[in-house]
C-alpha atoms as a PDB file:
ATOM      1  CA  UNK A   1      27.713   5.905   7.117  1.00  0.00           C
ATOM      2  CA  UNK A   2      26.482   4.437   3.854  1.00  0.00           C
ATOM      3  CA  UNK A   3      23.654   6.295   2.102  1.00  0.00           C
ATOM      4  CA  UNK A   4      20.434   4.268   1.868  1.00  0.00           C
ATOM      5  CA  UNK A   5      19.046   4.346  -1.662  1.00  0.00           C
ATOM      6  CA  UNK A   6      15.269   4.941  -1.800  1.00  0.00           C
ATOM      7  CA  UNK A   7      13.303   1.783  -2.575  1.00  0.00           C
ATOM      8  CA  UNK A   8       9.548   1.956  -3.112  1.00  0.00           C
ATOM      9  CA  UNK A   9       7.664   0.093  -0.401  1.00  0.00           C
ATOM     10  CA  UNK A  10      10.604   0.068   2.009  1.00  0.00           C
ATOM     11  CA  UNK A  11      10.458   1.686   5.458  1.00  0.00           C
ATOM     12  CA  UNK A  12      13.097   4.076   6.780  1.00  0.00           C
ATOM     13  CA  UNK A  13      13.690   6.159   9.875  1.00  0.00           C
ATOM     14  CA  UNK A  14      14.516   9.854   9.774  1.00  0.00           C
ATOM     15  CA  UNK A  15      16.937   9.970  12.698  1.00  0.00           C
ATOM     16  CA  UNK A  16      16.889  13.778  12.854  1.00  0.00           C
ATOM     17  CA  UNK A  17      13.195  13.944  13.779  1.00  0.00           C
ATOM     18  CA  UNK A  18      12.824  10.319  14.942  1.00  0.00           C
ATOM     19  CA  UNK A  19      10.031   9.521  12.465  1.00  0.00           C
ATOM     20  CA  UNK A  20       9.248   6.371  10.485  1.00  0.00           C
ATOM     21  CA  UNK A  21       8.214   6.656   6.849  1.00  0.00           C
ATOM     22  CA  UNK A  22       7.683   4.554   3.739  1.00  0.00           C
ATOM     23  CA  UNK A  23       8.960   5.450   0.278  1.00  0.00           C
ATOM     24  CA  UNK A  24       5.874   5.554  -1.955  1.00  0.00           C
ATOM     25  CA  UNK A  25       7.476   6.919  -5.131  1.00  0.00           C
ATOM     26  CA  UNK A  26      10.997   7.332  -6.494  1.00  0.00           C
ATOM     27  CA  UNK A  27      11.605   8.990  -9.854  1.00  0.00           C
ATOM     28  CA  UNK A  28      15.236   8.581 -10.923  1.00  0.00           C
ATOM     29  CA  UNK A  29      14.694  10.925 -13.895  1.00  0.00           C
ATOM     30  CA  UNK A  30      13.652  13.933 -11.800  1.00  0.00           C
ATOM     31  CA  UNK A  31      15.519  12.676  -8.694  1.00  0.00           C
ATOM     32  CA  UNK A  32      12.409  13.162  -6.550  1.00  0.00           C
ATOM     33  CA  UNK A  33      11.381  10.916  -3.685  1.00  0.00           C
ATOM     34  CA  UNK A  34       7.866  10.847  -2.251  1.00  0.00           C
ATOM     35  CA  UNK A  35       7.429   9.460   1.241  1.00  0.00           C
ATOM     36  CA  UNK A  36       4.539   8.859   3.618  1.00  0.00           C
ATOM     37  CA  UNK A  37       5.033   9.136   7.351  1.00  0.00           C
ATOM     38  CA  UNK A  38       3.412   6.752   9.803  1.00  0.00           C
ATOM     39  CA  UNK A  39       0.731   9.360  10.625  1.00  0.00           C
ATOM     40  CA  UNK A  40      -0.298   9.539   6.943  1.00  0.00           C
ATOM     41  CA  UNK A  41       1.439  12.804   6.062  1.00  0.00           C
ATOM     42  CA  UNK A  42       3.020  12.829   2.593  1.00  0.00           C
ATOM     43  CA  UNK A  43       6.225  14.686   1.721  1.00  0.00           C
ATOM     44  CA  UNK A  44       8.445  14.994  -1.323  1.00  0.00           C
ATOM     45  CA  UNK A  45      12.215  15.437  -1.363  1.00  0.00           C
ATOM     46  CA  UNK A  46      14.889  15.789  -3.964  1.00  0.00           C
ATOM     47  CA  UNK A  47      17.915  13.523  -3.825  1.00  0.00           C
ATOM     48  CA  UNK A  48      20.053  16.180  -2.081  1.00  0.00           C
ATOM     49  CA  UNK A  49      17.512  16.497   0.756  1.00  0.00           C
ATOM     50  CA  UNK A  50      17.394  12.682   0.981  1.00  0.00           C
ATOM     51  CA  UNK A  51      21.166  12.602   1.419  1.00  0.00           C
ATOM     52  CA  UNK A  52      21.019  15.300   4.117  1.00  0.00           C
ATOM     53  CA  UNK A  53      18.288  13.384   5.950  1.00  0.00           C
ATOM     54  CA  UNK A  54      20.552  10.299   6.125  1.00  0.00           C
ATOM     55  CA  UNK A  55      17.658   7.850   6.597  1.00  0.00           C
ATOM     56  CA  UNK A  56      18.250   4.466   8.166  1.00  0.00           C
ATOM     57  CA  UNK A  57      16.504   1.309   6.979  1.00  0.00           C
ATOM     58  CA  UNK A  58      13.731   0.258   9.372  1.00  0.00           C
ATOM     59  CA  UNK A  59      11.203  -2.529   9.713  1.00  0.00           C
ATOM     60  CA  UNK A  60       7.565  -1.729   9.021  1.00  0.00           C
ATOM     61  CA  UNK A  61       5.821  -1.078  12.334  1.00  0.00           C
ATOM     62  CA  UNK A  62       3.096  -3.488  13.442  1.00  0.00           C
ATOM     63  CA  UNK A  63       0.444  -0.782  13.420  1.00  0.00           C
ATOM     64  CA  UNK A  64       1.425   0.976  10.177  1.00  0.00           C
ATOM     65  CA  UNK A  65      -2.162   0.724   8.875  1.00  0.00           C
ATOM     66  CA  UNK A  66      -3.610   2.536  11.917  1.00  0.00           C
ATOM     67  CA  UNK A  67      -3.144   6.020  10.434  1.00  0.00           C
ATOM     68  CA  UNK A  68      -5.178   4.969   7.405  1.00  0.00           C
ATOM     69  CA  UNK A  69      -7.890   3.319   9.510  1.00  0.00           C
ATOM     70  CA  UNK A  70      -7.388   0.009   7.710  1.00  0.00           C
ATOM     71  CA  UNK A  71      -8.197  -3.356   9.192  1.00  0.00           C
ATOM     72  CA  UNK A  72      -7.957  -6.943   8.011  1.00  0.00           C
ATOM     73  CA  UNK A  73     -11.277  -6.703   6.128  1.00  0.00           C
ATOM     74  CA  UNK A  74      -9.689  -4.088   3.857  1.00  0.00           C
ATOM     75  CA  UNK A  75      -7.308  -6.765   2.594  1.00  0.00           C
ATOM     76  CA  UNK A  76     -10.183  -8.655   0.948  1.00  0.00           C
ATOM     77  CA  UNK A  77     -10.212  -8.084  -2.796  1.00  0.00           C
ATOM     78  CA  UNK A  78     -13.704  -6.899  -3.768  1.00  0.00           C
ATOM     79  CA  UNK A  79     -13.253  -8.368  -7.242  1.00  0.00           C
ATOM     80  CA  UNK A  80     -12.945 -11.918  -5.940  1.00  0.00           C
ATOM     81  CA  UNK A  81     -16.159 -13.960  -5.881  1.00  0.00           C
ATOM     82  CA  UNK A  82     -17.809 -14.463  -2.518  1.00  0.00           C
ATOM     83  CA  UNK A  83     -18.501 -18.100  -1.795  1.00  0.00           C
ATOM     84  CA  UNK A  84     -21.440 -19.193   0.314  1.00  0.00           C
ATOM     85  CA  UNK A  85     -20.859 -21.139   3.500  1.00  0.00           C
ATOM     86  CA  UNK A  86     -22.704 -24.196   2.197  1.00  0.00           C
ATOM     87  CA  UNK A  87     -21.295 -25.399  -1.130  1.00  0.00           C
ATOM     88  CA  UNK A  88     -24.009 -28.072  -1.431  1.00  0.00           C
ATOM     89  CA  UNK A  89     -26.899 -25.639  -1.277  1.00  0.00           C
ATOM     90  CA  UNK A  90     -29.432 -26.076  -4.138  1.00  0.00           C
ATOM     91  CA  UNK A  91     -29.373 -22.300  -4.603  1.00  0.00           C
ATOM     92  CA  UNK A  92     -25.837 -22.595  -5.955  1.00  0.00           C
ATOM     93  CA  UNK A  93     -27.066 -24.478  -9.038  1.00  0.00           C
ATOM     94  CA  UNK A  94     -29.677 -21.897 -10.099  1.00  0.00           C
ATOM     95  CA  UNK A  95     -28.712 -20.069 -13.275  1.00  0.00           C
ATOM     96  CA  UNK A  96     -30.495 -16.939 -14.470  1.00  0.00           C
ATOM     97  CA  UNK A  97     -32.566 -17.002 -17.685  1.00  0.00           C
ATOM     98  CA  UNK A  98     -30.807 -13.869 -18.907  1.00  0.00           C
ATOM     99  CA  UNK A  99     -27.628 -12.102 -18.040  1.00  0.00           C
ATOM    100  CA  UNK A 100     -28.058  -8.363 -17.962  1.00  0.00           C
ATOM    101  CA  UNK A 101     -25.495  -6.528 -20.032  1.00  0.00           C
ATOM    102  CA  UNK A 102     -24.759  -9.588 -22.202  1.00  0.00           C
ATOM    103  CA  UNK A 103     -26.567 -10.005 -25.491  1.00  0.00           C
ATOM    104  CA  UNK A 104     -26.823 -13.050 -27.725  1.00  0.00           C
ATOM    105  CA  UNK A 105     -25.780 -12.405 -31.311  1.00  0.00           C
END
């Protein structure tokens, strides 16, 4: 069986304990691999332990965000501007007299 190399963001299955996990960090200098199981538990292995585990490549499960209590609203970037429902509203054209935190020089 061919050894699966750890790839950050890729999902694998530990066949010995029948558990899915994602590689969250791989440091080739120290040969350490950090993984996160589907239930949220984090573990760290060295390359020898990774070889002994003999992980198989797996697809990300549909509910992989469940352990972290994430939903689709968490995908919204809070740094993006929120746009009102009505683009033609007169309130959209109001500009403030001063911008706090910005000074004219």
